[in-house]
C-alpha atoms as a PDB file:
ATOM      1  CA  MET A   1      42.104 -38.488  12.945  1.00  0.00           C
ATOM      2  CA  VAL A   2      44.926 -35.828  12.176  1.00  0.00           C
ATOM      3  CA  GLY A   3      47.216 -38.409  11.328  1.00  0.00           C
ATOM      4  CA  THR A   4      44.768 -40.455   8.752  1.00  0.00           C
ATOM      5  CA  CYS A   5      44.242 -36.985   7.460  1.00  0.00           C
ATOM      6  CA  ARG A   6      47.923 -36.058   7.033  1.00  0.00           C
ATOM      7  CA  TYR A   7      48.731 -39.511   5.739  1.00  0.00           C
ATOM      8  CA  VAL A   8      45.748 -39.118   3.164  1.00  0.00           C
ATOM      9  CA  CYS A   9      47.267 -35.641   1.939  1.00  0.00           C
ATOM     10  CA  PHE A  10      51.187 -37.243   1.393  1.00  0.00           C
ATOM     11  CA  LEU A  11      49.545 -40.085  -0.331  1.00  0.00           C
ATOM     12  CA  ASN A  12      47.993 -37.620  -2.975  1.00  0.00           C
ATOM     13  CA  MET A  13      51.073 -35.095  -3.130  1.00  0.00           C
ATOM     14  CA  VAL A  14      53.003 -35.425  -6.953  1.00  0.00           C
ATOM     15  CA  LYS A  15      56.449 -36.294  -6.624  1.00  0.00           C
ATOM     16  CA  ILE A  16      58.311 -34.284  -9.452  1.00  0.00           C
ATOM     17  CA  ASP A  17      61.727 -32.887 -10.615  1.00  0.00           C
ATOM     18  CA  VAL A  18      61.560 -29.063 -12.021  1.00  0.00           C
ATOM     19  CA  VAL A  19      64.324 -28.038 -14.692  1.00  0.00           C
ATOM     20  CA  CYS A  20      64.356 -23.952 -15.132  1.00  0.00           C
ATOM     21  CA  PRO A  21      66.911 -22.688 -17.122  1.00  0.00           C
ATOM     22  CA  LEU A  22      68.596 -19.611 -16.631  1.00  0.00           C
ATOM     23  CA  HIS A  23      69.907 -16.652 -18.530  1.00  0.00           C
ATOM     24  CA  ARG A  24      71.063 -13.464 -17.266  1.00  0.00           C
ATOM     25  CA  ALA A  25      68.646 -14.315 -13.862  1.00  0.00           C
ATOM     26  CA  ASP A  26      70.331 -11.896 -11.357  1.00  0.00           C
ATOM     27  CA  GLY A  27      67.035 -10.372 -10.778  1.00  0.00           C
ATOM     28  CA  MET A  28      64.651 -12.998 -11.219  1.00  0.00           C
ATOM     29  CA  ILE A  29      65.874 -15.979  -9.228  1.00  0.00           C
ATOM     30  CA  ASP A  30      64.809 -14.962  -5.924  1.00  0.00           C
ATOM     31  CA  ALA A  31      61.214 -14.712  -7.668  1.00  0.00           C
ATOM     32  CA  VAL A  32      61.593 -18.266  -8.966  1.00  0.00           C
ATOM     33  CA  ILE A  33      63.020 -19.658  -5.892  1.00  0.00           C
ATOM     34  CA  GLU A  34      60.240 -18.393  -3.544  1.00  0.00           C
ATOM     35  CA  GLY A  35      57.312 -19.327  -6.301  1.00  0.00           C
ATOM     36  CA  LEU A  36      58.770 -23.151  -6.378  1.00  0.00           C
ATOM     37  CA  LYS A  37      58.570 -22.948  -2.772  1.00  0.00           C
ATOM     38  CA  ALA A  38      55.173 -21.774  -1.753  1.00  0.00           C
ATOM     39  CA  GLN A  39      54.089 -24.661  -3.909  1.00  0.00           C
ATOM     40  CA  LYS A  40      51.511 -27.061  -2.157  1.00  0.00           C
ATOM     41  CA  ASN A  41      51.232 -30.585  -2.514  1.00  0.00           C
ATOM     42  CA  ILE A  42      54.392 -31.461  -4.497  1.00  0.00           C
ATOM     43  CA  ILE A  43      57.481 -33.352  -3.333  1.00  0.00           C
ATOM     44  CA  PHE A  44      60.625 -32.013  -4.830  1.00  0.00           C
ATOM     45  CA  ASN A  45      63.013 -34.730  -5.751  1.00  0.00           C
ATOM     46  CA  LYS A  46      65.039 -32.049  -7.937  1.00  0.00           C
ATOM     47  CA  VAL A  47      65.071 -28.756  -8.904  1.00  0.00           C
ATOM     48  CA  VAL A  48      67.552 -28.250 -11.779  1.00  0.00           C
ATOM     49  CA  PHE A  49      68.806 -24.986 -13.265  1.00  0.00           C
ATOM     50  CA  PRO A  50      71.094 -25.045 -16.240  1.00  0.00           C
ATOM     51  CA  ILE A  51      72.563 -21.835 -16.214  1.00  0.00           C
ATOM     52  CA  THR A  52      74.408 -19.926 -19.804  1.00  0.00           C
ATOM     53  CA  LYS A  53      78.000 -19.320 -18.779  1.00  0.00           C
ATOM     54  CA  GLU A  54      79.053 -15.807 -19.646  1.00  0.00           C
ATOM     55  CA  GLU A  55      81.456 -13.591 -18.254  1.00  0.00           C
ATOM     56  CA  ASP A  56      79.252 -12.506 -16.040  1.00  0.00           C
ATOM     57  CA  ASP A  57      79.652 -13.419 -12.316  1.00  0.00           C
ATOM     58  CA  LEU A  58      77.359 -16.141 -11.444  1.00  0.00           C
ATOM     59  CA  SER A  59      78.096 -16.734  -7.392  1.00  0.00           C
ATOM     60  CA  VAL A  60      75.212 -14.917  -6.596  1.00  0.00           C
ATOM     61  CA  VAL A  61      72.393 -16.658  -8.205  1.00  0.00           C
ATOM     62  CA  ILE A  62      74.450 -20.006  -7.368  1.00  0.00           C
ATOM     63  CA  ARG A  63      74.608 -19.200  -3.759  1.00  0.00           C
ATOM     64  CA  LYS A  64      71.119 -18.882  -3.660  1.00  0.00           C
ATOM     65  CA  ILE A  65      70.434 -22.019  -5.540  1.00  0.00           C
ATOM     66  CA  THR A  66      72.519 -24.084  -3.402  1.00  0.00           C
ATOM     67  CA  GLU A  67      70.708 -22.553  -0.073  1.00  0.00           C
ATOM     68  CA  ALA A  68      67.410 -23.752  -1.529  1.00  0.00           C
ATOM     69  CA  GLY A  69      68.404 -26.918  -1.691  1.00  0.00           C
ATOM     70  CA  PHE A  70      68.149 -26.803  -5.516  1.00  0.00           C
ATOM     71  CA  CYS A  71      71.134 -27.962  -8.013  1.00  0.00           C
ATOM     72  CA  TYR A  72      72.455 -26.602 -11.407  1.00  0.00           C
ATOM     73  CA  PHE A  73      75.084 -27.280 -14.308  1.00  0.00           C
ATOM     74  CA  LEU A  74      76.664 -24.919 -16.370  1.00  0.00           C
ATOM     75  CA  VAL A  75      76.394 -24.372 -20.280  1.00  0.00           C
ATOM     76  CA  PRO A  76      78.761 -22.016 -22.197  1.00  0.00           C
ATOM     77  CA  LEU A  77      76.547 -19.436 -23.669  1.00  0.00           C
ATOM     78  CA  GLY A  78      77.651 -20.791 -27.249  1.00  0.00           C
ATOM     79  CA  ASP A  79      76.321 -24.312 -26.557  1.00  0.00           C
ATOM     80  CA  PHE A  80      73.075 -23.658 -24.922  1.00  0.00           C
ATOM     81  CA  SER A  81      69.767 -24.843 -27.000  1.00  0.00           C
ATOM     82  CA  HIS A  82      66.262 -24.716 -25.757  1.00  0.00           C
ATOM     83  CA  SER A  83      65.882 -28.686 -26.755  1.00  0.00           C
ATOM     84  CA  LEU A  84      69.293 -29.954 -25.991  1.00  0.00           C
ATOM     85  CA  THR A  85      69.949 -28.431 -22.611  1.00  0.00           C
ATOM     86  CA  ARG A  86      66.399 -29.114 -21.938  1.00  0.00           C
ATOM     87  CA  GLN A  87      67.001 -32.653 -22.937  1.00  0.00           C
ATOM     88  CA  THR A  88      70.481 -32.815 -20.787  1.00  0.00           C
ATOM     89  CA  ALA A  89      68.773 -31.919 -17.936  1.00  0.00           C
ATOM     90  CA  VAL A  90      65.651 -34.320 -18.097  1.00  0.00           C
ATOM     91  CA  MET A  91      68.080 -37.450 -18.946  1.00  0.00           C
ATOM     92  CA  GLU A  92      71.235 -36.522 -16.836  1.00  0.00           C
ATOM     93  CA  TYR A  93      70.458 -34.412 -14.015  1.00  0.00           C
ATOM     94  CA  CYS A  94      66.550 -35.553 -13.663  1.00  0.00           C
ATOM     95  CA  GLU A  95      64.999 -38.720 -11.630  1.00  0.00           C
ATOM     96  CA  SER A  96      61.828 -38.531 -10.894  1.00  0.00           C
ATOM     97  CA  ASP A  97      58.692 -39.995 -13.399  1.00  0.00           C
ATOM     98  CA  VAL A  98      57.260 -36.180 -13.713  1.00  0.00           C
ATOM     99  CA  VAL A  99      59.603 -33.778 -14.939  1.00  0.00           C
ATOM    100  CA  VAL A 100      58.018 -30.057 -14.577  1.00  0.00           C
ATOM    101  CA  MET A 101      59.634 -27.341 -17.253  1.00  0.00           C
ATOM    102  CA  ILE A 102      59.347 -23.757 -16.411  1.00  0.00           C
ATOM    103  CA  SER A 103      61.435 -20.356 -17.832  1.00  0.00           C
ATOM    104  CA  GLN A 104      62.524 -18.229 -15.516  1.00  0.00           C
ATOM    105  CA  ASP A 105      59.848 -15.436 -16.214  1.00  0.00           C
ATOM    106  CA  VAL A 106      57.002 -17.614 -15.681  1.00  0.00           C
ATOM    107  CA  ARG A 107      55.342 -16.752 -12.279  1.00  0.00           C
ATOM    108  CA  PHE A 108      52.582 -19.165 -10.677  1.00  0.00           C
ATOM    109  CA  VAL A 109      48.858 -17.864 -10.214  1.00  0.00           C
ATOM    110  CA  ASP A 110      48.158 -19.780  -7.253  1.00  0.00           C
ATOM    111  CA  GLU A 111      50.009 -22.558  -5.077  1.00  0.00           C
ATOM    112  CA  ASP A 112      48.172 -25.318  -6.652  1.00  0.00           C
ATOM    113  CA  ALA A 113      49.379 -24.908 -10.448  1.00  0.00           C
ATOM    114  CA  LEU A 114      52.311 -27.368 -10.314  1.00  0.00           C
ATOM    115  CA  SER A 115      50.128 -30.031  -8.506  1.00  0.00           C
ATOM    116  CA  ARG A 116      47.478 -29.553 -11.316  1.00  0.00           C
ATOM    117  CA  LEU A 117      49.884 -29.865 -14.114  1.00  0.00           C
ATOM    118  CA  ALA A 118      51.495 -32.772 -12.663  1.00  0.00           C
ATOM    119  CA  SER A 119      48.549 -34.893 -11.768  1.00  0.00           C
ATOM    120  CA  VAL A 120      47.571 -35.462 -15.219  1.00  0.00           C
ATOM    121  CA  ILE A 121      50.714 -37.217 -16.681  1.00  0.00           C
ATOM    122  CA  ASN A 122      50.928 -40.897 -16.840  1.00  0.00           C
ATOM    123  CA  GLU A 123      51.894 -43.597 -18.958  1.00  0.00           C
ATOM    124  CA  THR A 124      49.271 -42.578 -21.615  1.00  0.00           C
ATOM    125  CA  CYS A 125      49.046 -39.051 -21.060  1.00  0.00           C
ATOM    126  CA  VAL A 126      52.908 -38.323 -21.184  1.00  0.00           C
ATOM    127  CA  TYR A 127      52.907 -34.424 -21.894  1.00  0.00           C
ATOM    128  CA  ALA A 128      51.167 -31.529 -21.007  1.00  0.00           C
ATOM    129  CA  TYR A 129      51.316 -27.634 -20.886  1.00  0.00           C
ATOM    130  CA  GLY A 130      49.278 -25.140 -18.412  1.00  0.00           C
ATOM    131  CA  ARG A 131      47.208 -21.976 -19.125  1.00  0.00           C
ATOM    132  CA  GLN A 132      49.609 -19.174 -19.211  1.00  0.00           C
ATOM    133  CA  ILE A 133      47.995 -15.636 -18.787  1.00  0.00           C
ATOM    134  CA  CYS A 134      49.135 -11.963 -19.040  1.00  0.00           C
ATOM    135  CA  SER A 135      48.091  -9.295 -16.728  1.00  0.00           C
ATOM    136  CA  GLN A 136      49.050  -6.556 -18.335  1.00  0.00           C
ATOM    137  CA  LYS A 137      46.948  -4.372 -20.755  1.00  0.00           C
ATOM    138  CA  THR A 138      49.150  -5.523 -24.026  1.00  0.00           C
ATOM    139  CA  ILE A 139      48.520  -7.170 -27.067  1.00  0.00           C
ATOM    140  CA  GLU A 140      49.980 -10.073 -25.318  1.00  0.00           C
ATOM    141  CA  ARG A 141      47.073 -10.541 -23.432  1.00  0.00           C
ATOM    142  CA  TYR A 142      44.740 -11.099 -25.944  1.00  0.00           C
ATOM    143  CA  VAL A 143      47.284 -13.252 -27.810  1.00  0.00           C
ATOM    144  CA  ARG A 144      47.427 -15.402 -24.385  1.00  0.00           C
ATOM    145  CA  GLU A 145      43.691 -15.240 -24.117  1.00  0.00           C
ATOM    146  CA  LYS A 146      43.050 -16.794 -27.926  1.00  0.00           C
ATOM    147  CA  ASN A 147      46.013 -19.176 -27.622  1.00  0.00           C
ATOM    148  CA  TYR A 148      45.363 -20.540 -23.838  1.00  0.00           C
ATOM    149  CA  GLY A 149      41.229 -20.775 -23.158  1.00  0.00           C
ATOM    150  CA  LYS A 150      39.579 -21.799 -20.295  1.00  0.00           C
ATOM    151  CA  GLU A 151      38.704 -25.194 -21.003  1.00  0.00           C
ATOM    152  CA  SER A 152      40.906 -28.132 -20.819  1.00  0.00           C
ATOM    153  CA  LEU A 153      41.584 -30.820 -23.386  1.00  0.00           C
ATOM    154  CA  THR A 154      43.414 -33.918 -24.452  1.00  0.00           C
ATOM    155  CA  VAL A 155      44.751 -34.482 -27.861  1.00  0.00           C
ATOM    156  CA  SER A 156      45.445 -38.141 -29.111  1.00  0.00           C
ATOM    157  CA  ALA A 157      46.292 -38.958 -33.051  1.00  0.00           C
ATOM    158  CA  ALA A 158      41.821 -39.109 -33.765  1.00  0.00           C
ATOM    159  CA  ASP A 159      42.086 -35.377 -32.891  1.00  0.00           C
ATOM    160  CA  VAL A 160      44.615 -34.578 -35.765  1.00  0.00           C
ATOM    161  CA  GLU A 161      42.363 -34.627 -38.821  1.00  0.00           C
ATOM    162  CA  ASN A 162      40.277 -31.579 -36.821  1.00  0.00           C
ATOM    163  CA  MET A 163      42.583 -29.755 -35.258  1.00  0.00           C
ATOM    164  CA  GLN A 164      45.462 -30.080 -38.096  1.00  0.00           C
ATOM    165  CA  LEU A 165      48.816 -28.206 -36.493  1.00  0.00           C
ATOM    166  CA  ALA A 166      46.663 -27.142 -33.898  1.00  0.00           C
ATOM    167  CA  ALA A 167      47.152 -30.576 -32.267  1.00  0.00           C
ATOM    168  CA  PHE A 168      50.879 -30.112 -31.970  1.00  0.00           C
ATOM    169  CA  PHE A 169      50.853 -26.656 -30.261  1.00  0.00           C
ATOM    170  CA  ALA A 170      52.579 -26.495 -26.431  1.00  0.00           C
ATOM    171  CA  SER A 171      54.619 -24.651 -24.663  1.00  0.00           C
ATOM    172  CA  ASP A 172      57.598 -25.722 -22.315  1.00  0.00           C
ATOM    173  CA  ALA A 173      57.475 -22.575 -20.233  1.00  0.00           C
ATOM    174  CA  PHE A 174      55.124 -24.260 -18.240  1.00  0.00           C
ATOM    175  CA  SER A 175      54.761 -28.149 -19.134  1.00  0.00           C
ATOM    176  CA  ALA A 176      55.203 -31.510 -17.665  1.00  0.00           C
ATOM    177  CA  TYR A 177      56.728 -34.704 -18.866  1.00  0.00           C
ATOM    178  CA  HIS A 178      56.560 -37.923 -17.992  1.00  0.00           C
ATOM    179  CA  ARG A 179      60.458 -38.816 -17.616  1.00  0.00           C
ATOM    180  CA  PRO A 180      60.188 -42.610 -18.906  1.00  0.00           C
ATOM    181  CA  THR A 181      58.771 -41.677 -22.117  1.00  0.00           C
ATOM    182  CA  PHE A 182      60.655 -38.607 -22.926  1.00  0.00           C
ATOM    183  CA  VAL A 183      63.883 -40.876 -22.294  1.00  0.00           C
ATOM    184  CA  THR A 184      62.227 -44.024 -24.309  1.00  0.00           C
ATOM    185  CA  LEU A 185      61.397 -41.665 -27.438  1.00  0.00           C
ATOM    186  CA  GLY A 186      65.206 -40.030 -27.237  1.00  0.00           C
ATOM    187  CA  GLY A 187      63.920 -36.890 -26.145  1.00  0.00           C
ATOM    188  CA  TYR A 188      64.140 -33.990 -29.049  1.00  0.00           C
ATOM    189  CA  ASP A 189      66.366 -36.448 -30.774  1.00  0.00           C
ATOM    190  CA  SER A 190      69.417 -34.417 -29.985  1.00  0.00           C
ATOM    191  CA  ILE A 191      68.570 -32.013 -32.548  1.00  0.00           C
ATOM    192  CA  HIS A 192      69.258 -28.373 -31.618  1.00  0.00           C
ATOM    193  CA  MET A 193      66.662 -25.890 -31.624  1.00  0.00           C
ATOM    194  CA  MET A 194      66.157 -22.748 -30.282  1.00  0.00           C
ATOM    195  CA  MET A 195      62.474 -22.732 -30.647  1.00  0.00           C
ATOM    196  CA  ASN A 196      59.350 -25.174 -30.712  1.00  0.00           C
ATOM    197  CA  GLU A 197      60.904 -27.762 -29.515  1.00  0.00           C
ATOM    198  CA  ASP A 198      57.695 -28.535 -27.281  1.00  0.00           C
ATOM    199  CA  MET A 199      55.542 -28.411 -30.324  1.00  0.00           C
ATOM    200  CA  TYR A 200      58.563 -31.062 -32.007  1.00  0.00           C
ATOM    201  CA  TYR A 201      58.108 -33.382 -29.264  1.00  0.00           C
ATOM    202  CA  ALA A 202      54.340 -33.095 -28.582  1.00  0.00           C
ATOM    203  CA  LYS A 203      54.193 -34.393 -32.532  1.00  0.00           C
ATOM    204  CA  LYS A 204      56.172 -37.250 -31.665  1.00  0.00           C
ATOM    205  CA  VAL A 205      54.043 -38.108 -29.174  1.00  0.00           C
ATOM    206  CA  ILE A 206      51.079 -38.414 -30.685  1.00  0.00           C
ATOM    207  CA  ASP A 207      52.433 -40.033 -33.804  1.00  0.00           C
ATOM    208  CA  ARG A 208      53.140 -42.644 -31.263  1.00  0.00           C
ATOM    209  CA  GLY A 209      49.635 -43.083 -30.200  1.00  0.00           C
ATOM    210  CA  LEU A 210      50.375 -41.236 -26.729  1.00  0.00           C
ATOM    211  CA  GLN A 211      48.445 -38.300 -25.371  1.00  0.00           C
ATOM    212  CA  LYS A 212      49.386 -34.870 -24.947  1.00  0.00           C
ATOM    213  CA  ALA A 213      47.275 -32.572 -22.535  1.00  0.00           C
ATOM    214  CA  TYR A 214      46.510 -28.635 -21.908  1.00  0.00           C
ATOM    215  CA  VAL A 215      45.431 -28.116 -18.165  1.00  0.00           C
ATOM    216  CA  ALA A 216      43.643 -24.998 -17.926  1.00  0.00           C
ATOM    217  CA  THR A 217      43.471 -25.029 -14.250  1.00  0.00           C
ATOM    218  CA  ALA A 218      46.993 -24.890 -14.031  1.00  0.00           C
ATOM    219  CA  VAL A 219      47.563 -20.923 -14.544  1.00  0.00           C
ATOM    220  CA  ALA A 220      50.897 -19.301 -14.581  1.00  0.00           C
ATOM    221  CA  GLU A 221      51.604 -15.454 -15.580  1.00  0.00           C
ATOM    222  CA  HIS A 222      53.683 -15.084 -18.394  1.00  0.00           C
ATOM    223  CA  SER A 223      54.429 -11.894 -20.596  1.00  0.00           C
ATOM    224  CA  HIS A 224      57.308 -10.585 -22.851  1.00  0.00           C
ATOM    225  CA  ARG A 225      57.461  -6.756 -24.009  1.00  0.00           C
ATOM    226  CA  TYR A 226      58.918  -6.684 -27.223  1.00  0.00           C
ATOM    227  CA  THR A 227      59.592  -3.963 -29.874  1.00  0.00           C
ATOM    228  CA  PHE A 228      58.598  -4.282 -33.200  1.00  0.00           C
ATOM    229  CA  LYS A 229      62.207  -5.582 -34.405  1.00  0.00           C
ATOM    230  CA  GLN A 230      62.102  -7.939 -31.735  1.00  0.00           C
ATOM    231  CA  LEU A 231      58.847  -8.953 -32.648  1.00  0.00           C
ATOM    232  CA  TYR A 232      59.569  -9.516 -36.593  1.00  0.00           C
ATOM    233  CA  ASN A 233      63.115 -11.271 -35.418  1.00  0.00           C
ATOM    234  CA  ARG A 234      60.972 -13.873 -33.477  1.00  0.00           C
ATOM    235  CA  TYR A 235      58.518 -14.499 -36.196  1.00  0.00           C
ATOM    236  CA  ARG A 236      61.276 -14.570 -38.686  1.00  0.00           C
ATOM    237  CA  ALA A 237      62.977 -17.419 -36.936  1.00  0.00           C
ATOM    238  CA  THR A 238      59.443 -19.079 -35.974  1.00  0.00           C
ATOM    239  CA  GLY A 239      59.002 -19.237 -39.902  1.00  0.00           C
ATOM    240  CA  LYS A 240      62.607 -20.857 -40.484  1.00  0.00           C
ATOM    241  CA  TRP A 241      62.242 -23.303 -38.025  1.00  0.00           C
ATOM    242  CA  PHE A 242      58.747 -24.639 -39.702  1.00  0.00           C
ATOM    243  CA  ALA A 243      60.977 -24.619 -43.033  1.00  0.00           C
ATOM    244  CA  GLU A 244      63.317 -26.814 -41.504  1.00  0.00           C
ATOM    245  CA  HIS A 245      60.887 -29.122 -40.180  1.00  0.00           C
ATOM    246  CA  PRO A 246      58.646 -30.123 -43.925  1.00  0.00           C
ATOM    247  CA  GLU A 247      57.093 -33.230 -41.354  1.00  0.00           C
ATOM    248  CA  PHE A 248      55.075 -29.887 -40.297  1.00  0.00           C
ATOM    249  CA  ASP A 249      54.104 -29.234 -43.875  1.00  0.00           C
ATOM    250  CA  ASP A 250      51.306 -31.479 -44.010  1.00  0.00           C
ATOM    251  CA  TYR A 251      49.125 -30.039 -41.465  1.00  0.00           C
ATOM    252  CA  LYS A 252      46.667 -26.821 -42.159  1.00  0.00           C
ATOM    253  CA  THR A 253      46.624 -23.672 -39.750  1.00  0.00           C
ATOM    254  CA  THR A 254      43.132 -24.113 -38.643  1.00  0.00           C
ATOM    255  CA  ASP A 255      43.608 -20.843 -36.485  1.00  0.00           C
ATOM    256  CA  SER A 256      44.959 -18.586 -39.198  1.00  0.00           C
ATOM    257  CA  GLY A 257      46.813 -15.416 -37.998  1.00  0.00           C
ATOM    258  CA  LEU A 258      44.048 -13.105 -39.365  1.00  0.00           C
ATOM    259  CA  LYS A 259      41.521 -14.700 -37.104  1.00  0.00           C
ATOM    260  CA  LEU A 260      44.326 -13.994 -34.362  1.00  0.00           C
ATOM    261  CA  ALA A 261      44.663 -10.433 -35.601  1.00  0.00           C
ATOM    262  CA  LEU A 262      40.651  -9.865 -35.877  1.00  0.00           C
ATOM    263  CA  TYR A 263      40.363 -11.415 -32.052  1.00  0.00           C
ATOM    264  CA  VAL A 264      43.206  -9.275 -30.929  1.00  0.00           C
ATOM    265  CA  PHE A 265      41.212  -6.032 -32.860  1.00  0.00           C
ATOM    266  CA  LYS A 266      38.289  -6.875 -31.412  1.00  0.00           C
ATOM    267  CA  ARG A 267      39.462  -7.560 -27.749  1.00  0.00           C
ATOM    268  CA  ALA A 268      40.925  -4.011 -27.769  1.00  0.00           C
ATOM    269  CA  LEU A 269      37.685  -2.285 -29.027  1.00  0.00           C
ATOM    270  CA  ARG A 270      35.907  -3.480 -26.617  1.00  0.00           C
ATOM    271  CA  GLU A 271      38.108  -2.565 -23.513  1.00  0.00           C
ATOM    272  CA  PHE A 272      38.559   0.831 -25.603  1.00  0.00           C
ATOM    273  CA  ASN A 273      42.467  -0.044 -25.347  1.00  0.00           C
ATOM    274  CA  ILE A 274      44.095   2.898 -26.848  1.00  0.00           C
ATOM    275  CA  PRO A 275      47.739   1.736 -26.248  1.00  0.00           C
ATOM    276  CA  VAL A 276      47.169  -1.470 -28.033  1.00  0.00           C
ATOM    277  CA  LEU A 277      44.898   0.044 -30.820  1.00  0.00           C
ATOM    278  CA  PHE A 278      47.721   2.354 -31.767  1.00  0.00           C
ATOM    279  CA  ARG A 279      50.457  -0.365 -31.759  1.00  0.00           C
ATOM    280  CA  PHE A 280      48.400  -2.930 -33.608  1.00  0.00           C
ATOM    281  CA  LEU A 281      49.108  -2.292 -37.017  1.00  0.00           C
ATOM    282  CA  PRO A 282      52.480  -1.989 -36.649  1.00  0.00           C
ATOM    283  CA  ASP A 283      52.579  -5.531 -34.181  1.00  0.00           C
ATOM    284  CA  MET A 284      50.882  -7.847 -36.752  1.00  0.00           C
ATOM    285  CA  THR A 285      52.477  -6.724 -39.593  1.00  0.00           C
ATOM    286  CA  SER A 286      55.850  -7.095 -38.024  1.00  0.00           C
ATOM    287  CA  ARG A 287      54.898 -10.599 -37.098  1.00  0.00           C
ATOM    288  CA  TYR A 288      53.337 -11.212 -40.690  1.00  0.00           C
ATOM    289  CA  LEU A 289      56.485 -10.072 -42.321  1.00  0.00           C
ATOM    290  CA  GLY A 290      59.003 -12.087 -39.870  1.00  0.00           C
ATOM    291  CA  MET A 291      57.017 -15.581 -40.608  1.00  0.00           C
ATOM    292  CA  LYS A 292      57.274 -14.791 -44.311  1.00  0.00           C
ATOM    293  CA  LYS A 293      60.714 -13.621 -44.312  1.00  0.00           C
ATOM    294  CA  GLY A 294      61.990 -16.694 -42.286  1.00  0.00           C
ATOM    295  CA  LYS A 295      60.013 -19.458 -44.481  1.00  0.00           C
ATOM    296  CA  GLU A 296      61.435 -17.424 -47.387  1.00  0.00           C
ATOM    297  CA  GLU A 297      64.939 -18.015 -45.920  1.00  0.00           C
ATOM    298  CA  LYS A 298      64.902 -21.866 -45.875  1.00  0.00           C
ATOM    299  CA  ARG A 299      63.603 -22.295 -49.410  1.00  0.00           C
END
């Protein structure tokens, strides 16, 4: 009976490859490796770390990666690209049908996060992303609540008319790909992108009659602390990206920035979160002005 149980459990496990780009990750690599090794119901075929190469000494990070049984490749800092680097990792280093993407600052909430995300991938649902939460009492906490709900969903071409631009929302901070489909579709079409490569690929998937999933039960902690200048520059880059990709122009923003701002404000009031209420106006203004400036720059 014990042998049968082990056999059945093994059959239910998902074999995956993992891609995790690293940049100045000396203080993060231990947590990344420990988080991966703590995951259950997963068989790791390969864990690949693309590492940006600068003047920093990478020997400690590389030693920890190799001692863990994982692999890496170096990318000169000037050549790093959120799209091209990931595309190289998937096409040239990965082998499994399912490839999970994570960022170095993601922390899994429980030991089944990877298996829940990877298990939805098949030849029809070829791309999925998990739920991201922020435990810190910041504006980002409420933004993630709004963008990553508690209900899972699957999106196909039939949903685009109703969902509009939101149909293509995704995040490679915690996502899973069907590698054979990724290869067949040409990945990110060898286009250099420093953001939104996930959204770009999600549109390709849906346009070709395939499905994208949001898996709310696969949960990871992911948070940042941006200054107002960093926030402005980030949204400026986002606005510029959309201006460079007119294929998204035909879709409406059904969940506007105003709705997001109101949601954040109401949640902060309800929790009497004074630091967020003080930061609210300059934070939201930085986002709005950055996005506006970015879109204008490419006209």
